[in-house]
PDB file of N, CA and C in Angstrom:
ATOM      1  N   MET A   1     137.115 304.733-162.111  1.00  0.00           N
ATOM      2  CA  MET A   1     137.554 303.516-161.652  1.00  0.00           C
ATOM      3  C   MET A   1     136.354 302.750-160.588  1.00  0.00           C
ATOM      4  N   ARG A   2     135.216 304.582-160.158  1.00  0.00           N
ATOM      5  CA  ARG A   2     134.353 304.000-159.534  1.00  0.00           C
ATOM      6  C   ARG A   2     133.931 302.446-160.503  1.00  0.00           C
ATOM      7  N   GLU A   3     133.249 303.080-160.883  1.00  0.00           N
ATOM      8  CA  GLU A   3     132.418 301.950-161.588  1.00  0.00           C
ATOM      9  C   GLU A   3     133.435 300.711-161.985  1.00  0.00           C
ATOM     10  N   LEU A   4     134.724 300.616-162.242  1.00  0.00           N
ATOM     11  CA  LEU A   4     135.237 299.295-162.258  1.00  0.00           C
ATOM     12  C   LEU A   4     135.003 298.297-161.249  1.00  0.00           C
ATOM     13  N   ASN A   5     134.238 298.212-160.000  1.00  0.00           N
ATOM     14  CA  ASN A   5     134.042 298.510-158.148  1.00  0.00           C
ATOM     15  C   ASN A   5     132.998 298.197-158.581  1.00  0.00           C
ATOM     16  N   THR A   6     132.037 299.215-159.100  1.00  0.00           N
ATOM     17  CA  THR A   6     130.928 298.299-159.259  1.00  0.00           C
ATOM     18  C   THR A   6     130.762 297.166-159.934  1.00  0.00           C
ATOM     19  N   PHE A   7     131.335 296.912-161.331  1.00  0.00           N
ATOM     20  CA  PHE A   7     131.389 296.043-161.400  1.00  0.00           C
ATOM     21  C   PHE A   7     131.445 294.378-160.970  1.00  0.00           C
ATOM     22  N   PHE A   8     132.584 294.824-160.514  1.00  0.00           N
ATOM     23  CA  PHE A   8     133.670 293.361-159.881  1.00  0.00           C
ATOM     24  C   PHE A   8     132.827 293.193-158.410  1.00  0.00           C
ATOM     25  N   LEU A   9     132.187 294.195-157.881  1.00  0.00           N
ATOM     26  CA  LEU A   9     131.378 293.715-156.807  1.00  0.00           C
ATOM     27  C   LEU A   9     130.442 293.055-156.943  1.00  0.00           C
ATOM     28  N   ASP A  10     129.638 293.590-158.610  1.00  0.00           N
ATOM     29  CA  ASP A  10     128.148 292.899-158.882  1.00  0.00           C
ATOM     30  C   ASP A  10     129.725 291.550-159.524  1.00  0.00           C
ATOM     31  N   TYR A  11     129.931 291.219-160.363  1.00  0.00           N
ATOM     32  CA  TYR A  11     130.374 289.645-160.428  1.00  0.00           C
ATOM     33  C   TYR A  11     131.119 288.803-159.191  1.00  0.00           C
ATOM     34  N   ILE A  12     131.558 289.067-157.955  1.00  0.00           N
ATOM     35  CA  ILE A  12     131.914 288.958-156.483  1.00  0.00           C
ATOM     36  C   ILE A  12     130.614 288.590-156.105  1.00  0.00           C
ATOM     37  N   LEU A  13     129.456 289.726-156.075  1.00  0.00           N
ATOM     38  CA  LEU A  13     128.660 288.930-155.321  1.00  0.00           C
ATOM     39  C   LEU A  13     127.335 287.586-156.005  1.00  0.00           C
ATOM     40  N   THR A  14     127.573 287.363-157.820  1.00  0.00           N
ATOM     41  CA  THR A  14     126.737 286.686-158.544  1.00  0.00           C
ATOM     42  C   THR A  14     127.481 285.382-158.266  1.00  0.00           C
ATOM     43  N   GLY A  15     129.145 285.619-158.154  1.00  0.00           N
ATOM     44  CA  GLY A  15     129.595 284.580-157.648  1.00  0.00           C
ATOM     45  C   GLY A  15     129.187 283.830-156.423  1.00  0.00           C
ATOM     46  N   ILE A  16     128.732 284.217-155.511  1.00  0.00           N
ATOM     47  CA  ILE A  16     128.848 283.853-154.572  1.00  0.00           C
ATOM     48  C   ILE A  16     127.674 283.157-154.525  1.00  0.00           C
ATOM     49  N   LYS A  17     126.470 283.992-154.693  1.00  0.00           N
ATOM     50  CA  LYS A  17     125.470 283.689-154.979  1.00  0.00           C
ATOM     51  C   LYS A  17     125.210 281.802-155.957  1.00  0.00           C
ATOM     52  N   GLN A  18     125.904 282.191-156.702  1.00  0.00           N
ATOM     53  CA  GLN A  18     125.918 280.385-157.312  1.00  0.00           C
ATOM     54  C   GLN A  18     126.754 279.898-156.940  1.00  0.00           C
ATOM     55  N   ALA A  19     127.834 280.015-155.982  1.00  0.00           N
ATOM     56  CA  ALA A  19     129.045 278.487-155.157  1.00  0.00           C
ATOM     57  C   ALA A  19     128.257 278.250-154.109  1.00  0.00           C
ATOM     58  N   ARG A  20     126.607 278.930-153.649  1.00  0.00           N
ATOM     59  CA  ARG A  20     126.898 278.261-152.404  1.00  0.00           C
ATOM     60  C   ARG A  20     125.385 276.980-152.161  1.00  0.00           C
ATOM     61  N   GLU A  21     125.725 276.154-151.166  1.00  0.00           N
ATOM     62  CA  GLU A  21     125.601 274.949-151.331  1.00  0.00           C
ATOM     63  C   GLU A  21     123.946 274.444-151.636  1.00  0.00           C
ATOM     64  N   GLN A  22     123.026 274.169-152.148  1.00  0.00           N
ATOM     65  CA  GLN A  22     122.320 274.268-152.820  1.00  0.00           C
ATOM     66  C   GLN A  22     121.337 273.351-150.965  1.00  0.00           C
ATOM     67  N   THR A  23     120.082 273.766-151.813  1.00  0.00           N
ATOM     68  CA  THR A  23     119.327 272.978-150.525  1.00  0.00           C
ATOM     69  C   THR A  23     118.408 271.843-150.812  1.00  0.00           C
ATOM     70  N   LEU A  24     118.322 271.794-149.491  1.00  0.00           N
ATOM     71  CA  LEU A  24     118.377 269.873-149.231  1.00  0.00           C
ATOM     72  C   LEU A  24     115.863 269.811-149.725  1.00  0.00           C
ATOM     73  N   ASP A  25     115.486 268.824-149.711  1.00  0.00           N
ATOM     74  CA  ASP A  25     114.207 269.304-149.568  1.00  0.00           C
ATOM     75  C   ASP A  25     114.033 267.786-149.804  1.00  0.00           C
ATOM     76  N   TRP A  26     114.351 266.788-149.417  1.00  0.00           N
ATOM     77  CA  TRP A  26     113.659 265.931-148.779  1.00  0.00           C
ATOM     78  C   TRP A  26     111.799 265.226-149.394  1.00  0.00           C
ATOM     79  N   SER A  27     110.765 266.287-148.312  1.00  0.00           N
ATOM     80  CA  SER A  27     110.192 266.017-148.341  1.00  0.00           C
ATOM     81  C   SER A  27     109.543 266.412-150.127  1.00  0.00           C
ATOM     82  N   LYS A  28     110.485 266.770-150.914  1.00  0.00           N
ATOM     83  CA  LYS A  28     109.610 266.760-152.588  1.00  0.00           C
ATOM     84  C   LYS A  28     110.165 265.527-153.131  1.00  0.00           C
ATOM     85  N   VAL A  29     110.893 264.676-152.734  1.00  0.00           N
ATOM     86  CA  VAL A  29     111.271 263.742-152.954  1.00  0.00           C
ATOM     87  C   VAL A  29     110.180 262.705-152.989  1.00  0.00           C
ATOM     88  N   HIS A  30     110.336 262.899-151.263  1.00  0.00           N
ATOM     89  CA  HIS A  30     109.662 261.641-150.492  1.00  0.00           C
ATOM     90  C   HIS A  30     107.821 262.075-151.599  1.00  0.00           C
ATOM     91  N   ASN A  31     107.386 263.198-151.847  1.00  0.00           N
ATOM     92  CA  ASN A  31     105.769 263.015-152.217  1.00  0.00           C
ATOM     93  C   ASN A  31     106.148 262.401-153.640  1.00  0.00           C
ATOM     94  N   THR A  32     106.834 261.846-153.905  1.00  0.00           N
ATOM     95  CA  THR A  32     106.905 262.071-155.292  1.00  0.00           C
ATOM     96  C   THR A  32     106.600 260.375-154.509  1.00  0.00           C
ATOM     97  N   VAL A  33     105.364 259.581-155.818  1.00  0.00           N
ATOM     98  CA  VAL A  33     105.417 258.356-156.123  1.00  0.00           C
ATOM     99  C   VAL A  33     104.363 257.694-156.697  1.00  0.00           C
ATOM    100  N   GLN A  34     104.477 256.963-157.698  1.00  0.00           N
ATOM    101  CA  GLN A  34     104.812 256.037-158.502  1.00  0.00           C
ATOM    102  C   GLN A  34     102.976 255.880-158.861  1.00  0.00           C
ATOM    103  N   GLY A  35     101.939 256.460-159.866  1.00  0.00           N
ATOM    104  CA  GLY A  35     100.517 256.748-160.046  1.00  0.00           C
ATOM    105  C   GLY A  35     100.201 255.338-160.014  1.00  0.00           C
ATOM    106  N   LYS A  36      98.762 255.117-160.541  1.00  0.00           N
ATOM    107  CA  LYS A  36      98.576 254.195-160.440  1.00  0.00           C
ATOM    108  C   LYS A  36      98.444 253.303-161.616  1.00  0.00           C
ATOM    109  N   GLU A  37      98.799 254.463-162.812  1.00  0.00           N
ATOM    110  CA  GLU A  37      99.046 253.791-163.542  1.00  0.00           C
ATOM    111  C   GLU A  37      99.970 253.792-164.589  1.00  0.00           C
ATOM    112  N   GLU A  38     100.961 254.572-163.699  1.00  0.00           N
ATOM    113  CA  GLU A  38     102.207 254.914-164.054  1.00  0.00           C
ATOM    114  C   GLU A  38     103.270 253.290-164.227  1.00  0.00           C
ATOM    115  N   HIS A  39     104.328 253.546-164.609  1.00  0.00           N
ATOM    116  CA  HIS A  39     105.005 252.264-165.868  1.00  0.00           C
ATOM    117  C   HIS A  39     106.147 252.300-164.946  1.00  0.00           C
ATOM    118  N   PRO A  40     106.540 250.719-163.884  1.00  0.00           N
ATOM    119  CA  PRO A  40     107.493 251.518-162.943  1.00  0.00           C
ATOM    120  C   PRO A  40     108.867 252.689-163.147  1.00  0.00           C
ATOM    121  N   SER A  41     109.256 251.999-164.988  1.00  0.00           N
ATOM    122  CA  SER A  41     110.438 252.722-165.044  1.00  0.00           C
ATOM    123  C   SER A  41     110.152 254.274-165.983  1.00  0.00           C
ATOM    124  N   ASP A  42     109.267 254.670-166.326  1.00  0.00           N
ATOM    125  CA  ASP A  42     109.044 256.146-165.891  1.00  0.00           C
ATOM    126  C   ASP A  42     109.467 256.387-164.568  1.00  0.00           C
ATOM    127  N   PHE A  43     108.621 256.068-163.425  1.00  0.00           N
ATOM    128  CA  PHE A  43     108.266 256.286-162.091  1.00  0.00           C
ATOM    129  C   PHE A  43     110.283 256.433-161.911  1.00  0.00           C
ATOM    130  N   TYR A  44     110.912 256.267-162.323  1.00  0.00           N
ATOM    131  CA  TYR A  44     111.832 255.472-161.628  1.00  0.00           C
ATOM    132  C   TYR A  44     112.692 257.029-162.114  1.00  0.00           C
ATOM    133  N   GLU A  45     112.300 257.361-163.465  1.00  0.00           N
ATOM    134  CA  GLU A  45     113.126 258.853-163.854  1.00  0.00           C
ATOM    135  C   GLU A  45     112.469 259.677-163.562  1.00  0.00           C
ATOM    136  N   ARG A  46     111.416 259.406-162.452  1.00  0.00           N
ATOM    137  CA  ARG A  46     110.404 260.717-162.196  1.00  0.00           C
ATOM    138  C   ARG A  46     111.232 260.593-161.512  1.00  0.00           C
ATOM    139  N   LEU A  47     111.880 259.656-159.659  1.00  0.00           N
ATOM    140  CA  LEU A  47     112.076 260.218-158.870  1.00  0.00           C
ATOM    141  C   LEU A  47     113.724 260.462-159.034  1.00  0.00           C
ATOM    142  N   CYS A  48     114.250 259.795-160.127  1.00  0.00           N
ATOM    143  CA  CYS A  48     115.899 260.065-160.163  1.00  0.00           C
ATOM    144  C   CYS A  48     115.981 262.353-160.699  1.00  0.00           C
ATOM    145  N   LYS A  49     114.941 261.840-161.550  1.00  0.00           N
ATOM    146  CA  LYS A  49     114.898 263.650-161.403  1.00  0.00           C
ATOM    147  C   LYS A  49     114.712 264.089-160.260  1.00  0.00           C
ATOM    148  N   ALA A  50     113.798 263.586-159.244  1.00  0.00           N
ATOM    149  CA  ALA A  50     113.566 264.693-158.466  1.00  0.00           C
ATOM    150  C   ALA A  50     115.327 264.839-157.392  1.00  0.00           C
ATOM    151  N   PHE A  51     116.060 263.487-157.429  1.00  0.00           N
ATOM    152  CA  PHE A  51     116.675 263.566-156.277  1.00  0.00           C
ATOM    153  C   PHE A  51     117.679 264.490-157.208  1.00  0.00           C
ATOM    154  N   CYS A  52     118.529 264.444-158.698  1.00  0.00           N
ATOM    155  CA  CYS A  52     118.443 265.799-159.175  1.00  0.00           C
ATOM    156  C   CYS A  52     118.208 266.602-158.923  1.00  0.00           C
ATOM    157  N   ILE A  53     116.959 267.237-158.606  1.00  0.00           N
ATOM    158  CA  ILE A  53     116.674 268.713-158.419  1.00  0.00           C
ATOM    159  C   ILE A  53     116.216 269.044-156.674  1.00  0.00           C
ATOM    160  N   TYR A  54     115.742 268.856-156.370  1.00  0.00           N
ATOM    161  CA  TYR A  54     116.263 268.206-154.012  1.00  0.00           C
ATOM    162  C   TYR A  54     116.969 268.551-153.277  1.00  0.00           C
ATOM    163  N   THR A  55     117.802 267.127-154.423  1.00  0.00           N
ATOM    164  CA  THR A  55     118.705 267.625-153.612  1.00  0.00           C
ATOM    165  C   THR A  55     120.372 266.278-153.717  1.00  0.00           C
ATOM    166  N   ASN A  56     121.189 267.117-153.224  1.00  0.00           N
ATOM    167  CA  ASN A  56     123.230 266.575-153.815  1.00  0.00           C
ATOM    168  C   ASN A  56     123.036 265.106-154.319  1.00  0.00           C
ATOM    169  N   ILE A  57     122.279 264.476-154.269  1.00  0.00           N
ATOM    170  CA  ILE A  57     122.418 262.971-154.996  1.00  0.00           C
ATOM    171  C   ILE A  57     122.453 262.859-155.432  1.00  0.00           C
ATOM    172  N   ASP A  58     123.528 262.656-157.008  1.00  0.00           N
ATOM    173  CA  ASP A  58     123.516 261.657-158.035  1.00  0.00           C
ATOM    174  C   ASP A  58     122.936 259.832-158.010  1.00  0.00           C
ATOM    175  N   PRO A  59     121.415 259.805-158.567  1.00  0.00           N
ATOM    176  CA  PRO A  59     120.709 258.557-157.747  1.00  0.00           C
ATOM    177  C   PRO A  59     121.362 257.430-159.088  1.00  0.00           C
ATOM    178  N   LYS A  60     122.730 258.428-160.297  1.00  0.00           N
ATOM    179  CA  LYS A  60     123.178 256.612-161.046  1.00  0.00           C
ATOM    180  C   LYS A  60     124.367 256.409-160.286  1.00  0.00           C
ATOM    181  N   ALA A  61     125.309 257.205-159.002  1.00  0.00           N
ATOM    182  CA  ALA A  61     126.403 256.839-158.541  1.00  0.00           C
ATOM    183  C   ALA A  61     126.140 255.340-157.951  1.00  0.00           C
ATOM    184  N   ALA A  62     127.263 254.991-157.647  1.00  0.00           N
ATOM    185  CA  ALA A  62     126.664 253.536-156.791  1.00  0.00           C
ATOM    186  C   ALA A  62     126.481 253.807-155.589  1.00  0.00           C
ATOM    187  N   ASP A  63     127.627 254.403-154.209  1.00  0.00           N
ATOM    188  CA  ASP A  63     127.288 254.518-153.594  1.00  0.00           C
ATOM    189  C   ASP A  63     125.822 255.709-153.608  1.00  0.00           C
ATOM    190  N   THR A  64     125.589 255.274-153.844  1.00  0.00           N
ATOM    191  CA  THR A  64     123.607 256.174-153.944  1.00  0.00           C
ATOM    192  C   THR A  64     122.694 255.505-153.780  1.00  0.00           C
ATOM    193  N   GLN A  65     122.841 254.426-154.638  1.00  0.00           N
ATOM    194  CA  GLN A  65     122.467 253.600-155.253  1.00  0.00           C
ATOM    195  C   GLN A  65     121.021 253.032-154.317  1.00  0.00           C
ATOM    196  N   SER A  66     121.915 252.355-153.296  1.00  0.00           N
ATOM    197  CA  SER A  66     121.315 251.404-151.303  1.00  0.00           C
ATOM    198  C   SER A  66     119.264 252.715-151.334  1.00  0.00           C
ATOM    199  N   THR A  67     119.868 253.643-151.051  1.00  0.00           N
ATOM    200  CA  THR A  67     119.399 254.960-151.635  1.00  0.00           C
ATOM    201  C   THR A  67     118.429 254.940-152.340  1.00  0.00           C
ATOM    202  N   VAL A  68     118.658 255.220-153.517  1.00  0.00           N
ATOM    203  CA  VAL A  68     117.379 255.563-154.433  1.00  0.00           C
ATOM    204  C   VAL A  68     116.858 254.585-154.547  1.00  0.00           C
ATOM    205  N   ARG A  69     117.238 253.326-154.090  1.00  0.00           N
ATOM    206  CA  ARG A  69     116.206 251.741-154.339  1.00  0.00           C
ATOM    207  C   ARG A  69     115.478 251.818-153.730  1.00  0.00           C
ATOM    208  N   LEU A  70     115.586 251.904-152.005  1.00  0.00           N
ATOM    209  CA  LEU A  70     115.003 251.777-150.224  1.00  0.00           C
ATOM    210  C   LEU A  70     113.755 252.654-150.625  1.00  0.00           C
ATOM    211  N   ILE A  71     113.975 254.611-151.584  1.00  0.00           N
ATOM    212  CA  ILE A  71     112.899 254.778-151.589  1.00  0.00           C
ATOM    213  C   ILE A  71     111.984 255.009-152.931  1.00  0.00           C
ATOM    214  N   PHE A  72     112.872 254.286-153.803  1.00  0.00           N
ATOM    215  CA  PHE A  72     111.706 253.622-154.823  1.00  0.00           C
ATOM    216  C   PHE A  72     110.852 252.604-154.442  1.00  0.00           C
ATOM    217  N   ILE A  73     111.529 251.612-154.022  1.00  0.00           N
ATOM    218  CA  ILE A  73     110.170 250.194-154.076  1.00  0.00           C
ATOM    219  C   ILE A  73     110.015 251.329-152.454  1.00  0.00           C
ATOM    220  N   SER A  74     110.538 251.788-151.407  1.00  0.00           N
ATOM    221  CA  SER A  74     108.713 251.839-150.655  1.00  0.00           C
ATOM    222  C   SER A  74     107.826 254.091-151.389  1.00  0.00           C
ATOM    223  N   GLN A  75     108.085 253.360-152.458  1.00  0.00           N
ATOM    224  CA  GLN A  75     106.737 255.159-153.153  1.00  0.00           C
ATOM    225  C   GLN A  75     106.623 254.311-154.437  1.00  0.00           C
ATOM    226  N   SER A  76     106.692 253.401-155.198  1.00  0.00           N
ATOM    227  CA  SER A  76     106.346 252.491-155.692  1.00  0.00           C
ATOM    228  C   SER A  76     104.827 251.853-155.284  1.00  0.00           C
ATOM    229  N   ALA A  77     103.485 252.000-156.815  1.00  0.00           N
ATOM    230  CA  ALA A  77     102.189 251.544-156.620  1.00  0.00           C
ATOM    231  C   ALA A  77     102.511 249.930-155.473  1.00  0.00           C
ATOM    232  N   PRO A  78     101.500 249.185-154.500  1.00  0.00           N
ATOM    233  CA  PRO A  78     101.568 248.778-154.138  1.00  0.00           C
ATOM    234  C   PRO A  78     101.516 247.425-154.375  1.00  0.00           C
ATOM    235  N   ASP A  79     101.092 247.306-155.683  1.00  0.00           N
ATOM    236  CA  ASP A  79     101.322 244.939-156.116  1.00  0.00           C
ATOM    237  C   ASP A  79     102.778 245.474-156.090  1.00  0.00           C
ATOM    238  N   ILE A  80     103.349 246.533-156.966  1.00  0.00           N
ATOM    239  CA  ILE A  80     104.701 246.463-157.169  1.00  0.00           C
ATOM    240  C   ILE A  80     105.634 246.693-156.126  1.00  0.00           C
ATOM    241  N   LYS A  81     105.115 247.553-155.078  1.00  0.00           N
ATOM    242  CA  LYS A  81     106.342 247.014-153.719  1.00  0.00           C
ATOM    243  C   LYS A  81     106.199 245.497-153.173  1.00  0.00           C
ATOM    244  N   LYS A  82     104.715 246.015-152.904  1.00  0.00           N
ATOM    245  CA  LYS A  82     105.128 244.262-152.190  1.00  0.00           C
ATOM    246  C   LYS A  82     105.792 242.868-153.717  1.00  0.00           C
ATOM    247  N   ARG A  83     105.887 242.545-155.035  1.00  0.00           N
ATOM    248  CA  ARG A  83     106.299 242.215-155.162  1.00  0.00           C
ATOM    249  C   ARG A  83     107.920 242.704-155.331  1.00  0.00           C
ATOM    250  N   LEU A  84     108.713 243.487-155.433  1.00  0.00           N
ATOM    251  CA  LEU A  84     110.375 243.855-154.988  1.00  0.00           C
ATOM    252  C   LEU A  84     110.012 243.384-153.942  1.00  0.00           C
ATOM    253  N   GLN A  85     109.564 243.671-152.553  1.00  0.00           N
ATOM    254  CA  GLN A  85     109.828 242.828-151.164  1.00  0.00           C
ATOM    255  C   GLN A  85     110.408 241.309-151.467  1.00  0.00           C
ATOM    256  N   ARG A  86     109.750 241.440-152.629  1.00  0.00           N
ATOM    257  CA  ARG A  86     109.329 239.041-152.654  1.00  0.00           C
ATOM    258  C   ARG A  86     110.863 238.884-152.650  1.00  0.00           C
ATOM    259  N   LEU A  87     111.613 239.501-153.720  1.00  0.00           N
ATOM    260  CA  LEU A  87     112.450 238.880-154.878  1.00  0.00           C
ATOM    261  C   LEU A  87     113.655 238.955-153.691  1.00  0.00           C
ATOM    262  N   LYS A  88     113.780 237.842-153.628  1.00  0.00           N
ATOM    263  CA  LYS A  88     114.910 236.602-153.283  1.00  0.00           C
ATOM    264  C   LYS A  88     116.660 238.418-153.686  1.00  0.00           C
ATOM    265  N   GLY A  89     117.295 238.202-152.458  1.00  0.00           N
ATOM    266  CA  GLY A  89     118.710 239.141-152.204  1.00  0.00           C
ATOM    267  C   GLY A  89     117.864 239.831-153.818  1.00  0.00           C
ATOM    268  N   ALA A  90     116.988 240.497-153.285  1.00  0.00           N
ATOM    269  CA  ALA A  90     116.853 242.133-154.049  1.00  0.00           C
ATOM    270  C   ALA A  90     117.447 243.583-152.552  1.00  0.00           C
ATOM    271  N   GLU A  91     118.704 243.003-151.853  1.00  0.00           N
ATOM    272  CA  GLU A  91     119.184 243.950-150.875  1.00  0.00           C
ATOM    273  C   GLU A  91     119.946 243.753-151.872  1.00  0.00           C
ATOM    274  N   GLY A  92     121.487 243.300-152.773  1.00  0.00           N
ATOM    275  CA  GLY A  92     122.457 243.621-153.312  1.00  0.00           C
ATOM    276  C   GLY A  92     122.783 243.579-154.829  1.00  0.00           C
ATOM    277  N   LYS A  93     121.070 243.852-155.310  1.00  0.00           N
ATOM    278  CA  LYS A  93     121.364 244.405-156.663  1.00  0.00           C
ATOM    279  C   LYS A  93     120.369 245.433-157.086  1.00  0.00           C
ATOM    280  N   SER A  94     120.775 246.162-158.032  1.00  0.00           N
ATOM    281  CA  SER A  94     120.891 247.062-158.578  1.00  0.00           C
ATOM    282  C   SER A  94     119.314 247.143-158.697  1.00  0.00           C
ATOM    283  N   LEU A  95     119.273 248.209-159.499  1.00  0.00           N
ATOM    284  CA  LEU A  95     117.790 248.433-159.490  1.00  0.00           C
ATOM    285  C   LEU A  95     116.884 247.558-161.499  1.00  0.00           C
ATOM    286  N   GLU A  96     117.841 247.645-162.179  1.00  0.00           N
ATOM    287  CA  GLU A  96     117.944 247.085-163.355  1.00  0.00           C
ATOM    288  C   GLU A  96     118.174 245.199-162.799  1.00  0.00           C
ATOM    289  N   GLU A  97     118.372 245.099-162.058  1.00  0.00           N
ATOM    290  CA  GLU A  97     119.232 244.039-162.016  1.00  0.00           C
ATOM    291  C   GLU A  97     117.497 242.754-161.461  1.00  0.00           C
ATOM    292  N   GLN A  98     117.378 243.607-160.478  1.00  0.00           N
ATOM    293  CA  GLN A  98     115.262 243.608-160.230  1.00  0.00           C
ATOM    294  C   GLN A  98     113.999 243.205-161.664  1.00  0.00           C
ATOM    295  N   GLY A  99     114.302 243.616-161.709  1.00  0.00           N
ATOM    296  CA  GLY A  99     114.059 244.762-163.394  1.00  0.00           C
ATOM    297  C   GLY A  99     113.829 242.887-163.656  1.00  0.00           C
ATOM    298  N   ARG A 100     114.637 242.234-164.082  1.00  0.00           N
ATOM    299  CA  ARG A 100     114.683 241.465-165.473  1.00  0.00           C
ATOM    300  C   ARG A 100     114.020 240.152-164.967  1.00  0.00           C
ATOM    301  N   PRO A 101     113.805 239.606-165.922  1.00  0.00           N
ATOM    302  CA  PRO A 101     113.205 238.532-165.235  1.00  0.00           C
ATOM    303  C   PRO A 101     114.261 237.201-165.079  1.00  0.00           C
ATOM    304  N   SER A 102     114.073 236.542-163.733  1.00  0.00           N
ATOM    305  CA  SER A 102     114.568 235.231-163.279  1.00  0.00           C
ATOM    306  C   SER A 102     114.503 233.853-164.708  1.00  0.00           C
ATOM    307  N   ARG A 103     116.341 233.195-165.095  1.00  0.00           N
ATOM    308  CA  ARG A 103     116.334 232.335-165.468  1.00  0.00           C
ATOM    309  C   ARG A 103     115.733 231.169-164.965  1.00  0.00           C
TER     310      ARG A 103
END
């Protein structure tokens, strides 16, 4: 009986450890910046991965796109940042729409 209680106690403690909320580490996300030779789509994927690992934000969700967009633009390489900031109506567009050439 004592062995069974020990088993259940270990089982419950393992469940509690796994259920605790993820610690948010925004500094890791803010330290993710685009390299000089890095393609913007590669940087975007790396940034999304950082969001998934270090925060509780789903970067692909519609309600978090504005946050991801702002951080993507602010941490892009200077030439890409200027281009993205100059786009007309960029506030309401997704990152995919911003990257498409206008017709």
